[in-house]
Amino acid sequence: DILEDTANSIQVLQMCNAFANAGFETTLLFPNKFDSIYVRDEIKSKVGGELKFKIVLYSYSAPFNIGKSFISCFFFFLSVAKISSNYQVFFTRHYLINHFLLRLKLNTIFEIHTIKFTSVKILNSLIRKLIIKDSKNDCQKLIITISQKLKEYFLKNEISPNKTIALHDGFSEEKFSKYYEITEARNR
């Protein structure tokens, strides 16, 4: 959840700011499960100032409260498809959303953090093959990896060096400089 103080939510907000500061019109798509003023105020407090990017709340419902499953990604995809003509480029961290956006012929930037997506080896292999296949799509504008080693892995597997860049994850030294027990650290 973007409203929690986690490394992932901090990174997403920093990416939105970075894109906006670079001159790109940037919009954060956010599930419509909160009041829009509350969401804007919470994000504004996390960013620490005026927002340079827009926030669009989208309709998001998945039957049976499935969470981060394939079906939830599909419902997200349907919501995005309704508003896709308003945007030139989409940025995602989820391989299925990346795949769906490419199938719609939408320009996409994909940020990837790992090559291990599940504990099932065969499924990992299929997901990596999907990512490699999708990288050849003309609408796949960029693949961002979070380390040089991850970038090298994809370069060895035929992803174009023109489409791949390593941008190392940053973190808040202030929030993470003190020692925390492992459970508390994971929640931060």
N, C-alpha and C. Protein backbone atom coordinates (compact mmCIF):
# COMPACT_ATOMS: atom_id res chain seq x y z
N ASP A 1 0.84 -1.19 0.00
CA ASP A 1 0.00 0.00 0.00
C ASP A 1 0.88 1.24 0.00
N ILE A 2 0.64 2.12 -0.91
CA ILE A 2 1.45 3.33 -1.10
C ILE A 2 1.35 4.27 0.10
N LEU A 3 0.30 4.15 0.89
CA LEU A 3 0.12 5.04 2.04
C LEU A 3 0.89 4.58 3.27
N GLU A 4 1.50 3.40 3.21
CA GLU A 4 2.30 2.91 4.33
C GLU A 4 3.76 3.33 4.14
N ASP A 5 4.50 3.40 5.24
CA ASP A 5 5.92 3.76 5.18
C ASP A 5 6.76 2.51 4.91
N THR A 6 6.75 2.07 3.66
CA THR A 6 7.56 0.93 3.26
C THR A 6 8.55 1.40 2.20
N ALA A 7 9.60 0.63 2.00
CA ALA A 7 10.60 0.98 0.98
C ALA A 7 9.93 1.08 -0.39
N ASN A 8 9.02 0.16 -0.68
CA ASN A 8 8.35 0.16 -1.98
C ASN A 8 7.55 1.44 -2.18
N SER A 9 6.77 1.84 -1.18
CA SER A 9 5.95 3.05 -1.35
C SER A 9 6.82 4.29 -1.48
N ILE A 10 7.91 4.36 -0.72
CA ILE A 10 8.84 5.49 -0.84
C ILE A 10 9.43 5.54 -2.24
N GLN A 11 9.83 4.39 -2.78
CA GLN A 11 10.41 4.33 -4.12
C GLN A 11 9.41 4.77 -5.19
N VAL A 12 8.17 4.33 -5.07
CA VAL A 12 7.16 4.70 -6.06
C VAL A 12 6.97 6.21 -6.07
N LEU A 13 6.86 6.80 -4.89
CA LEU A 13 6.66 8.26 -4.82
C LEU A 13 7.90 9.00 -5.32
N GLN A 14 9.09 8.47 -5.03
CA GLN A 14 10.31 9.10 -5.54
C GLN A 14 10.38 9.01 -7.06
N MET A 15 9.93 7.89 -7.62
CA MET A 15 9.92 7.75 -9.08
C MET A 15 8.94 8.75 -9.70
N CYS A 16 7.76 8.91 -9.10
CA CYS A 16 6.80 9.90 -9.61
C CYS A 16 7.41 11.30 -9.59
N ASN A 17 8.07 11.63 -8.48
CA ASN A 17 8.72 12.94 -8.39
C ASN A 17 9.84 13.08 -9.42
N ALA A 18 10.64 12.03 -9.58
CA ALA A 18 11.76 12.08 -10.53
C ALA A 18 11.25 12.29 -11.95
N PHE A 19 10.20 11.56 -12.34
CA PHE A 19 9.63 11.74 -13.67
C PHE A 19 9.09 13.16 -13.83
N ALA A 20 8.36 13.65 -12.82
CA ALA A 20 7.79 15.00 -12.88
C ALA A 20 8.90 16.05 -12.93
N ASN A 21 9.95 15.88 -12.13
CA ASN A 21 11.07 16.83 -12.13
C ASN A 21 11.83 16.83 -13.45
N ALA A 22 11.78 15.70 -14.16
CA ALA A 22 12.45 15.61 -15.45
C ALA A 22 11.59 16.21 -16.57
N GLY A 23 10.42 16.71 -16.21
CA GLY A 23 9.58 17.38 -17.20
C GLY A 23 8.48 16.53 -17.80
N PHE A 24 8.32 15.30 -17.30
CA PHE A 24 7.26 14.43 -17.81
C PHE A 24 5.97 14.69 -17.03
N GLU A 25 4.87 14.77 -17.76
CA GLU A 25 3.58 14.85 -17.07
C GLU A 25 3.34 13.48 -16.45
N THR A 26 3.25 13.44 -15.13
CA THR A 26 3.23 12.17 -14.40
C THR A 26 1.93 12.03 -13.62
N THR A 27 1.37 10.83 -13.67
CA THR A 27 0.15 10.53 -12.94
C THR A 27 0.35 9.23 -12.19
N LEU A 28 0.01 9.24 -10.91
CA LEU A 28 0.03 8.03 -10.09
C LEU A 28 -1.38 7.47 -10.08
N LEU A 29 -1.54 6.25 -10.58
CA LEU A 29 -2.84 5.59 -10.53
C LEU A 29 -2.96 4.89 -9.19
N PHE A 30 -4.05 5.16 -8.50
CA PHE A 30 -4.21 4.67 -7.13
C PHE A 30 -5.58 4.03 -6.96
N PRO A 31 -5.65 2.86 -6.30
CA PRO A 31 -6.95 2.20 -6.14
C PRO A 31 -7.94 3.09 -5.39
N ASN A 32 -9.16 3.10 -5.86
CA ASN A 32 -10.20 3.94 -5.30
C ASN A 32 -10.82 3.29 -4.07
N LYS A 33 -10.02 3.14 -3.01
CA LYS A 33 -10.58 2.58 -1.79
C LYS A 33 -10.57 3.59 -0.64
N PHE A 34 -10.11 4.81 -0.92
CA PHE A 34 -10.08 5.88 0.07
C PHE A 34 -10.69 7.14 -0.54
N ASP A 35 -10.96 8.11 0.29
CA ASP A 35 -11.40 9.43 -0.15
C ASP A 35 -10.24 10.11 -0.87
N SER A 36 -10.51 10.77 -2.00
CA SER A 36 -9.44 11.37 -2.81
C SER A 36 -8.67 12.46 -2.06
N ILE A 37 -9.35 13.24 -1.22
CA ILE A 37 -8.65 14.28 -0.45
C ILE A 37 -7.71 13.64 0.56
N TYR A 38 -8.15 12.56 1.20
CA TYR A 38 -7.30 11.84 2.15
C TYR A 38 -6.05 11.30 1.45
N VAL A 39 -6.23 10.68 0.29
CA VAL A 39 -5.10 10.12 -0.46
C VAL A 39 -4.11 11.21 -0.82
N ARG A 40 -4.61 12.30 -1.38
CA ARG A 40 -3.73 13.43 -1.78
C ARG A 40 -2.98 13.98 -0.58
N ASP A 41 -3.66 14.19 0.55
CA ASP A 41 -3.01 14.73 1.75
C ASP A 41 -1.95 13.78 2.29
N GLU A 42 -2.26 12.49 2.31
CA GLU A 42 -1.29 11.50 2.80
C GLU A 42 -0.04 11.45 1.91
N ILE A 43 -0.24 11.42 0.61
CA ILE A 43 0.88 11.37 -0.32
C ILE A 43 1.68 12.67 -0.24
N LYS A 44 0.99 13.78 -0.13
CA LYS A 44 1.66 15.09 -0.01
C LYS A 44 2.55 15.11 1.24
N SER A 45 2.08 14.55 2.34
CA SER A 45 2.89 14.53 3.56
C SER A 45 4.10 13.61 3.41
N LYS A 46 3.96 12.54 2.66
CA LYS A 46 5.09 11.62 2.44
C LYS A 46 6.13 12.23 1.50
N VAL A 47 5.66 12.97 0.50
CA VAL A 47 6.57 13.60 -0.46
C VAL A 47 7.27 14.78 0.20
N GLY A 48 6.58 15.43 1.13
CA GLY A 48 7.18 16.54 1.85
C GLY A 48 7.06 17.87 1.13
N GLY A 49 5.95 18.12 0.51
CA GLY A 49 5.74 19.38 -0.19
C GLY A 49 4.66 19.25 -1.23
N GLU A 50 4.62 20.25 -2.11
CA GLU A 50 3.64 20.24 -3.19
C GLU A 50 3.87 19.06 -4.12
N LEU A 51 2.79 18.47 -4.56
CA LEU A 51 2.89 17.37 -5.50
C LEU A 51 3.11 17.92 -6.90
N LYS A 52 4.09 17.35 -7.59
CA LYS A 52 4.37 17.76 -8.97
C LYS A 52 3.75 16.78 -9.95
N PHE A 53 3.05 15.80 -9.42
CA PHE A 53 2.40 14.81 -10.26
C PHE A 53 0.93 14.70 -9.87
N LYS A 54 0.13 14.21 -10.82
CA LYS A 54 -1.29 14.03 -10.58
C LYS A 54 -1.54 12.68 -9.93
N ILE A 55 -2.67 12.60 -9.27
CA ILE A 55 -3.13 11.33 -8.71
C ILE A 55 -4.50 11.05 -9.30
N VAL A 56 -4.66 9.87 -9.88
CA VAL A 56 -5.95 9.45 -10.42
C VAL A 56 -6.38 8.21 -9.65
N LEU A 57 -7.56 8.29 -9.06
CA LEU A 57 -8.12 7.12 -8.39
C LEU A 57 -8.86 6.31 -9.44
N TYR A 58 -8.58 5.02 -9.48
CA TYR A 58 -9.25 4.17 -10.46
C TYR A 58 -10.11 3.14 -9.74
N SER A 59 -11.11 2.69 -10.45
CA SER A 59 -12.01 1.67 -9.93
C SER A 59 -11.25 0.37 -9.82
N TYR A 60 -11.28 -0.23 -8.67
CA TYR A 60 -10.50 -1.45 -8.46
C TYR A 60 -11.30 -2.39 -7.59
N SER A 61 -11.74 -3.45 -8.18
CA SER A 61 -12.44 -4.45 -7.38
C SER A 61 -12.10 -5.82 -7.93
N ALA A 62 -11.82 -6.71 -7.04
CA ALA A 62 -11.55 -8.09 -7.42
C ALA A 62 -12.46 -8.96 -6.57
N PRO A 63 -13.07 -9.96 -7.18
CA PRO A 63 -13.96 -10.80 -6.39
C PRO A 63 -13.20 -11.54 -5.30
N PHE A 64 -13.84 -11.70 -4.19
CA PHE A 64 -13.32 -12.49 -3.07
C PHE A 64 -12.06 -11.88 -2.44
N ASN A 65 -11.81 -10.58 -2.65
CA ASN A 65 -10.66 -9.91 -2.03
C ASN A 65 -9.37 -10.71 -2.26
N ILE A 66 -9.03 -10.95 -3.49
CA ILE A 66 -7.95 -11.85 -3.86
C ILE A 66 -6.56 -11.27 -3.59
N GLY A 67 -6.40 -9.97 -3.55
CA GLY A 67 -5.09 -9.39 -3.25
C GLY A 67 -4.21 -9.32 -4.48
N LYS A 68 -2.93 -9.71 -4.32
CA LYS A 68 -1.94 -9.53 -5.38
C LYS A 68 -1.89 -10.71 -6.35
N SER A 69 -2.99 -11.20 -6.74
CA SER A 69 -3.03 -12.37 -7.61
C SER A 69 -3.18 -11.97 -9.07
N PHE A 70 -3.16 -12.97 -9.92
CA PHE A 70 -3.34 -12.75 -11.35
C PHE A 70 -4.68 -12.06 -11.63
N ILE A 71 -5.71 -12.46 -10.92
CA ILE A 71 -7.04 -11.91 -11.16
C ILE A 71 -7.06 -10.43 -10.79
N SER A 72 -6.42 -10.05 -9.69
CA SER A 72 -6.36 -8.64 -9.32
C SER A 72 -5.63 -7.84 -10.38
N CYS A 73 -4.54 -8.40 -10.91
CA CYS A 73 -3.82 -7.72 -11.99
C CYS A 73 -4.72 -7.53 -13.20
N PHE A 74 -5.53 -8.53 -13.49
CA PHE A 74 -6.44 -8.43 -14.62
C PHE A 74 -7.44 -7.30 -14.42
N PHE A 75 -8.00 -7.18 -13.21
CA PHE A 75 -8.95 -6.11 -12.94
C PHE A 75 -8.26 -4.75 -13.00
N PHE A 76 -7.01 -4.68 -12.54
CA PHE A 76 -6.25 -3.44 -12.66
C PHE A 76 -6.08 -3.11 -14.14
N PHE A 77 -5.72 -4.09 -14.92
CA PHE A 77 -5.53 -3.92 -16.36
C PHE A 77 -6.78 -3.37 -17.03
N LEU A 78 -7.94 -3.90 -16.67
CA LEU A 78 -9.19 -3.40 -17.25
C LEU A 78 -9.42 -1.94 -16.88
N SER A 79 -9.10 -1.57 -15.65
CA SER A 79 -9.25 -0.18 -15.23
C SER A 79 -8.32 0.74 -16.01
N VAL A 80 -7.08 0.31 -16.20
CA VAL A 80 -6.10 1.11 -16.94
C VAL A 80 -6.50 1.22 -18.40
N ALA A 81 -7.01 0.15 -18.97
CA ALA A 81 -7.38 0.16 -20.38
C ALA A 81 -8.42 1.24 -20.67
N LYS A 82 -9.29 1.51 -19.71
CA LYS A 82 -10.32 2.53 -19.90
C LYS A 82 -9.74 3.93 -20.04
N ILE A 83 -8.58 4.19 -19.40
CA ILE A 83 -8.02 5.54 -19.40
C ILE A 83 -6.72 5.63 -20.20
N SER A 84 -6.37 4.57 -20.90
CA SER A 84 -5.04 4.48 -21.53
C SER A 84 -4.77 5.55 -22.58
N SER A 85 -5.79 6.05 -23.24
CA SER A 85 -5.54 7.03 -24.31
C SER A 85 -5.05 8.37 -23.77
N ASN A 86 -5.12 8.57 -22.47
CA ASN A 86 -4.68 9.83 -21.86
C ASN A 86 -3.17 9.87 -21.59
N TYR A 87 -2.46 8.78 -21.77
CA TYR A 87 -1.06 8.71 -21.36
C TYR A 87 -0.16 8.23 -22.49
N GLN A 88 1.06 8.77 -22.53
CA GLN A 88 2.02 8.39 -23.56
C GLN A 88 2.84 7.17 -23.15
N VAL A 89 3.16 7.07 -21.86
CA VAL A 89 4.00 5.98 -21.37
C VAL A 89 3.47 5.51 -20.02
N PHE A 90 3.46 4.20 -19.81
CA PHE A 90 3.10 3.63 -18.51
C PHE A 90 4.36 3.08 -17.85
N PHE A 91 4.42 3.18 -16.55
CA PHE A 91 5.53 2.65 -15.76
C PHE A 91 4.93 1.64 -14.79
N THR A 92 5.48 0.42 -14.78
CA THR A 92 4.96 -0.60 -13.87
C THR A 92 6.10 -1.44 -13.32
N ARG A 93 5.83 -2.09 -12.21
CA ARG A 93 6.77 -3.02 -11.59
C ARG A 93 6.24 -4.45 -11.62
N HIS A 94 5.13 -4.67 -12.28
CA HIS A 94 4.54 -6.01 -12.29
C HIS A 94 4.58 -6.58 -13.70
N TYR A 95 5.14 -7.78 -13.83
CA TYR A 95 5.34 -8.39 -15.14
C TYR A 95 4.03 -8.64 -15.89
N LEU A 96 2.95 -8.97 -15.18
CA LEU A 96 1.67 -9.20 -15.87
C LEU A 96 1.07 -7.90 -16.37
N ILE A 97 1.13 -6.87 -15.55
CA ILE A 97 0.62 -5.57 -15.99
C ILE A 97 1.44 -5.09 -17.18
N ASN A 98 2.77 -5.28 -17.11
CA ASN A 98 3.64 -4.94 -18.24
C ASN A 98 3.16 -5.67 -19.50
N HIS A 99 2.94 -6.96 -19.37
CA HIS A 99 2.51 -7.78 -20.51
C HIS A 99 1.17 -7.29 -21.07
N PHE A 100 0.20 -7.03 -20.20
CA PHE A 100 -1.12 -6.56 -20.65
C PHE A 100 -1.02 -5.20 -21.35
N LEU A 101 -0.23 -4.29 -20.79
CA LEU A 101 -0.07 -2.98 -21.42
C LEU A 101 0.54 -3.11 -22.80
N LEU A 102 1.52 -3.98 -22.94
CA LEU A 102 2.15 -4.20 -24.24
C LEU A 102 1.15 -4.81 -25.23
N ARG A 103 0.30 -5.70 -24.75
CA ARG A 103 -0.73 -6.30 -25.62
C ARG A 103 -1.71 -5.26 -26.14
N LEU A 104 -1.88 -4.18 -25.36
CA LEU A 104 -2.73 -3.07 -25.80
C LEU A 104 -1.97 -2.09 -26.69
N LYS A 105 -0.71 -2.40 -26.97
CA LYS A 105 0.16 -1.54 -27.77
C LYS A 105 0.39 -0.18 -27.11
N LEU A 106 0.60 -0.22 -25.77
CA LEU A 106 0.87 0.98 -25.00
C LEU A 106 2.34 1.03 -24.64
N ASN A 107 2.96 2.19 -24.79
CA ASN A 107 4.37 2.35 -24.45
C ASN A 107 4.55 2.13 -22.95
N THR A 108 5.53 1.29 -22.61
CA THR A 108 5.67 0.87 -21.22
C THR A 108 7.13 0.86 -20.78
N ILE A 109 7.35 1.29 -19.55
CA ILE A 109 8.63 1.15 -18.86
C ILE A 109 8.39 0.15 -17.74
N PHE A 110 9.25 -0.86 -17.68
CA PHE A 110 9.09 -1.94 -16.70
C PHE A 110 10.28 -1.94 -15.76
N GLU A 111 10.02 -1.82 -14.46
CA GLU A 111 11.08 -1.91 -13.46
C GLU A 111 11.02 -3.29 -12.82
N ILE A 112 12.16 -3.96 -12.81
CA ILE A 112 12.21 -5.33 -12.29
C ILE A 112 13.22 -5.42 -11.15
N HIS A 113 12.84 -6.15 -10.12
CA HIS A 113 13.66 -6.26 -8.91
C HIS A 113 14.30 -7.63 -8.72
N THR A 114 13.83 -8.63 -9.43
CA THR A 114 14.29 -9.99 -9.17
C THR A 114 14.07 -10.87 -10.39
N ILE A 115 14.69 -12.05 -10.37
CA ILE A 115 14.37 -13.06 -11.38
C ILE A 115 13.66 -14.24 -10.73
N LYS A 116 13.42 -14.12 -9.43
CA LYS A 116 12.70 -15.16 -8.71
C LYS A 116 11.37 -14.58 -8.23
N PHE A 117 10.30 -15.01 -8.85
CA PHE A 117 8.98 -14.46 -8.59
C PHE A 117 8.14 -15.34 -7.67
N THR A 118 8.49 -16.61 -7.62
CA THR A 118 7.73 -17.58 -6.84
C THR A 118 8.67 -18.72 -6.45
N SER A 119 8.22 -19.58 -5.57
CA SER A 119 9.05 -20.72 -5.17
C SER A 119 8.95 -21.87 -6.17
N VAL A 120 8.09 -21.75 -7.17
CA VAL A 120 7.90 -22.79 -8.18
C VAL A 120 8.84 -22.52 -9.35
N LYS A 121 9.86 -23.37 -9.51
CA LYS A 121 10.89 -23.15 -10.52
C LYS A 121 10.35 -23.02 -11.93
N ILE A 122 9.44 -23.89 -12.31
CA ILE A 122 8.91 -23.87 -13.68
C ILE A 122 8.15 -22.57 -13.95
N LEU A 123 7.43 -22.10 -12.93
CA LEU A 123 6.70 -20.84 -13.08
C LEU A 123 7.67 -19.67 -13.22
N ASN A 124 8.76 -19.68 -12.43
CA ASN A 124 9.79 -18.65 -12.58
C ASN A 124 10.35 -18.63 -13.99
N SER A 125 10.62 -19.79 -14.51
CA SER A 125 11.16 -19.89 -15.86
C SER A 125 10.19 -19.32 -16.89
N LEU A 126 8.92 -19.63 -16.75
CA LEU A 126 7.91 -19.12 -17.68
C LEU A 126 7.79 -17.60 -17.58
N ILE A 127 7.85 -17.06 -16.37
CA ILE A 127 7.75 -15.61 -16.19
C ILE A 127 8.95 -14.92 -16.81
N ARG A 128 10.15 -15.46 -16.60
CA ARG A 128 11.35 -14.87 -17.21
C ARG A 128 11.26 -14.90 -18.73
N LYS A 129 10.77 -16.01 -19.29
CA LYS A 129 10.60 -16.10 -20.74
C LYS A 129 9.60 -15.06 -21.24
N LEU A 130 8.53 -14.84 -20.49
CA LEU A 130 7.55 -13.84 -20.86
C LEU A 130 8.19 -12.44 -20.87
N ILE A 131 8.98 -12.13 -19.85
CA ILE A 131 9.64 -10.83 -19.76
C ILE A 131 10.60 -10.64 -20.94
N ILE A 132 11.36 -11.67 -21.25
CA ILE A 132 12.31 -11.60 -22.37
C ILE A 132 11.57 -11.43 -23.69
N LYS A 133 10.49 -12.19 -23.88
CA LYS A 133 9.68 -12.06 -25.10
C LYS A 133 9.08 -10.65 -25.19
N ASP A 134 8.53 -10.17 -24.07
CA ASP A 134 7.92 -8.82 -24.06
C ASP A 134 8.95 -7.73 -24.35
N SER A 135 10.20 -7.96 -23.97
CA SER A 135 11.24 -6.93 -24.18
C SER A 135 11.45 -6.64 -25.67
N LYS A 136 11.10 -7.58 -26.52
CA LYS A 136 11.28 -7.41 -27.96
C LYS A 136 10.13 -6.62 -28.59
N ASN A 137 9.09 -6.38 -27.84
CA ASN A 137 7.95 -5.59 -28.31
C ASN A 137 8.38 -4.13 -28.47
N ASP A 138 8.04 -3.52 -29.59
CA ASP A 138 8.43 -2.13 -29.84
C ASP A 138 7.88 -1.16 -28.79
N CYS A 139 6.78 -1.52 -28.15
CA CYS A 139 6.20 -0.64 -27.13
C CYS A 139 6.92 -0.75 -25.78
N GLN A 140 7.79 -1.77 -25.63
CA GLN A 140 8.59 -1.87 -24.40
C GLN A 140 9.73 -0.87 -24.54
N LYS A 141 9.58 0.28 -23.95
CA LYS A 141 10.53 1.37 -24.15
C LYS A 141 11.78 1.22 -23.30
N LEU A 142 11.64 0.66 -22.10
CA LEU A 142 12.78 0.56 -21.20
C LEU A 142 12.51 -0.50 -20.15
N ILE A 143 13.57 -1.21 -19.77
CA ILE A 143 13.52 -2.13 -18.63
C ILE A 143 14.54 -1.62 -17.64
N ILE A 144 14.05 -1.28 -16.46
CA ILE A 144 14.92 -0.78 -15.39
C ILE A 144 15.17 -1.92 -14.42
N THR A 145 16.44 -2.22 -14.18
CA THR A 145 16.79 -3.21 -13.17
C THR A 145 17.35 -2.46 -11.96
N ILE A 146 17.31 -3.10 -10.79
CA ILE A 146 17.77 -2.41 -9.59
C ILE A 146 19.22 -2.73 -9.25
N SER A 147 19.88 -3.49 -10.11
CA SER A 147 21.30 -3.77 -9.89
C SER A 147 21.98 -4.08 -11.22
N GLN A 148 23.28 -3.91 -11.23
CA GLN A 148 24.06 -4.22 -12.43
C GLN A 148 23.99 -5.71 -12.75
N LYS A 149 24.02 -6.56 -11.71
CA LYS A 149 23.97 -8.01 -11.92
C LYS A 149 22.66 -8.43 -12.59
N LEU A 150 21.56 -7.83 -12.17
CA LEU A 150 20.28 -8.14 -12.77
C LEU A 150 20.25 -7.69 -14.23
N LYS A 151 20.81 -6.53 -14.50
CA LYS A 151 20.90 -6.04 -15.87
C LYS A 151 21.73 -7.02 -16.71
N GLU A 152 22.86 -7.46 -16.19
CA GLU A 152 23.72 -8.40 -16.92
C GLU A 152 22.99 -9.70 -17.20
N TYR A 153 22.19 -10.17 -16.25
CA TYR A 153 21.41 -11.39 -16.47
C TYR A 153 20.52 -11.23 -17.69
N PHE A 154 19.80 -10.11 -17.76
CA PHE A 154 18.88 -9.90 -18.89
C PHE A 154 19.63 -9.66 -20.19
N LEU A 155 20.77 -9.00 -20.14
CA LEU A 155 21.56 -8.80 -21.36
C LEU A 155 22.04 -10.15 -21.90
N LYS A 156 22.43 -11.06 -21.01
CA LYS A 156 22.85 -12.40 -21.43
C LYS A 156 21.69 -13.18 -22.04
N ASN A 157 20.47 -12.79 -21.70
CA ASN A 157 19.29 -13.48 -22.20
C ASN A 157 18.58 -12.70 -23.30
N GLU A 158 19.40 -11.98 -24.07
CA GLU A 158 18.95 -11.37 -25.32
C GLU A 158 18.03 -10.17 -25.19
N ILE A 159 18.04 -9.50 -24.05
CA ILE A 159 17.32 -8.23 -23.97
C ILE A 159 18.27 -7.15 -24.46
N SER A 160 17.79 -6.30 -25.32
CA SER A 160 18.62 -5.28 -25.95
C SER A 160 19.25 -4.34 -24.93
N PRO A 161 20.56 -4.07 -25.07
CA PRO A 161 21.20 -3.10 -24.16
C PRO A 161 20.61 -1.69 -24.32
N ASN A 162 20.00 -1.41 -25.46
CA ASN A 162 19.36 -0.11 -25.67
C ASN A 162 18.07 0.06 -24.87
N LYS A 163 17.54 -1.07 -24.40
CA LYS A 163 16.29 -1.03 -23.64
C LYS A 163 16.51 -1.30 -22.16
N THR A 164 17.76 -1.47 -21.72
CA THR A 164 18.02 -1.90 -20.35
C THR A 164 18.92 -0.91 -19.64
N ILE A 165 18.54 -0.57 -18.42
CA ILE A 165 19.34 0.34 -17.60
C ILE A 165 19.29 -0.13 -16.15
N ALA A 166 20.40 -0.01 -15.45
CA ALA A 166 20.43 -0.35 -14.02
C ALA A 166 20.36 0.94 -13.22
N LEU A 167 19.35 1.05 -12.41
CA LEU A 167 19.21 2.18 -11.48
C LEU A 167 19.09 1.58 -10.09
N HIS A 168 20.09 1.78 -9.30
CA HIS A 168 20.12 1.17 -7.98
C HIS A 168 19.08 1.80 -7.07
N ASP A 169 18.43 0.95 -6.28
CA ASP A 169 17.43 1.43 -5.33
C ASP A 169 18.07 2.34 -4.30
N GLY A 170 17.34 3.37 -3.96
CA GLY A 170 17.77 4.25 -2.88
C GLY A 170 16.93 3.97 -1.65
N PHE A 171 17.34 4.53 -0.55
CA PHE A 171 16.56 4.38 0.67
C PHE A 171 16.79 5.59 1.55
N SER A 172 15.92 5.78 2.51
CA SER A 172 16.01 6.91 3.42
C SER A 172 16.97 6.55 4.55
N GLU A 173 18.14 7.19 4.57
CA GLU A 173 19.10 6.92 5.64
C GLU A 173 18.52 7.27 7.00
N GLU A 174 17.73 8.33 7.03
CA GLU A 174 17.14 8.76 8.30
C GLU A 174 16.24 7.67 8.88
N LYS A 175 15.42 7.04 8.03
CA LYS A 175 14.48 6.02 8.51
C LYS A 175 15.16 4.69 8.80
N PHE A 176 16.26 4.40 8.10
CA PHE A 176 16.82 3.05 8.20
C PHE A 176 18.22 3.01 8.81
N SER A 177 18.68 4.10 9.41
CA SER A 177 20.04 4.11 9.96
C SER A 177 20.11 3.42 11.32
N LYS A 178 19.03 3.35 12.05
CA LYS A 178 19.07 2.71 13.36
C LYS A 178 18.72 1.23 13.23
N TYR A 179 19.19 0.43 14.16
CA TYR A 179 18.97 -1.01 14.12
C TYR A 179 17.54 -1.34 14.54
N TYR A 180 16.91 -2.25 13.79
CA TYR A 180 15.59 -2.74 14.12
C TYR A 180 15.63 -4.27 14.12
N GLU A 181 14.80 -4.88 14.94
CA GLU A 181 14.64 -6.32 14.87
C GLU A 181 14.11 -6.67 13.49
N ILE A 182 14.39 -7.87 13.03
CA ILE A 182 14.09 -8.26 11.65
C ILE A 182 12.62 -8.06 11.27
N THR A 183 11.68 -8.42 12.17
CA THR A 183 10.26 -8.27 11.86
C THR A 183 9.90 -6.81 11.69
N GLU A 184 10.37 -5.97 12.57
CA GLU A 184 10.08 -4.54 12.48
C GLU A 184 10.74 -3.94 11.22
N ALA A 185 11.96 -4.35 10.91
CA ALA A 185 12.67 -3.83 9.74
C ALA A 185 11.91 -4.17 8.45
N ARG A 186 11.37 -5.37 8.36
CA ARG A 186 10.61 -5.76 7.16
C ARG A 186 9.36 -4.94 7.00
N ASN A 187 8.78 -4.52 8.11
CA ASN A 187 7.57 -3.70 8.04
C ASN A 187 7.85 -2.26 7.70
N ARG A 188 9.10 -1.83 7.84
CA ARG A 188 9.46 -0.47 7.49
C ARG A 188 9.69 -0.39 6.02
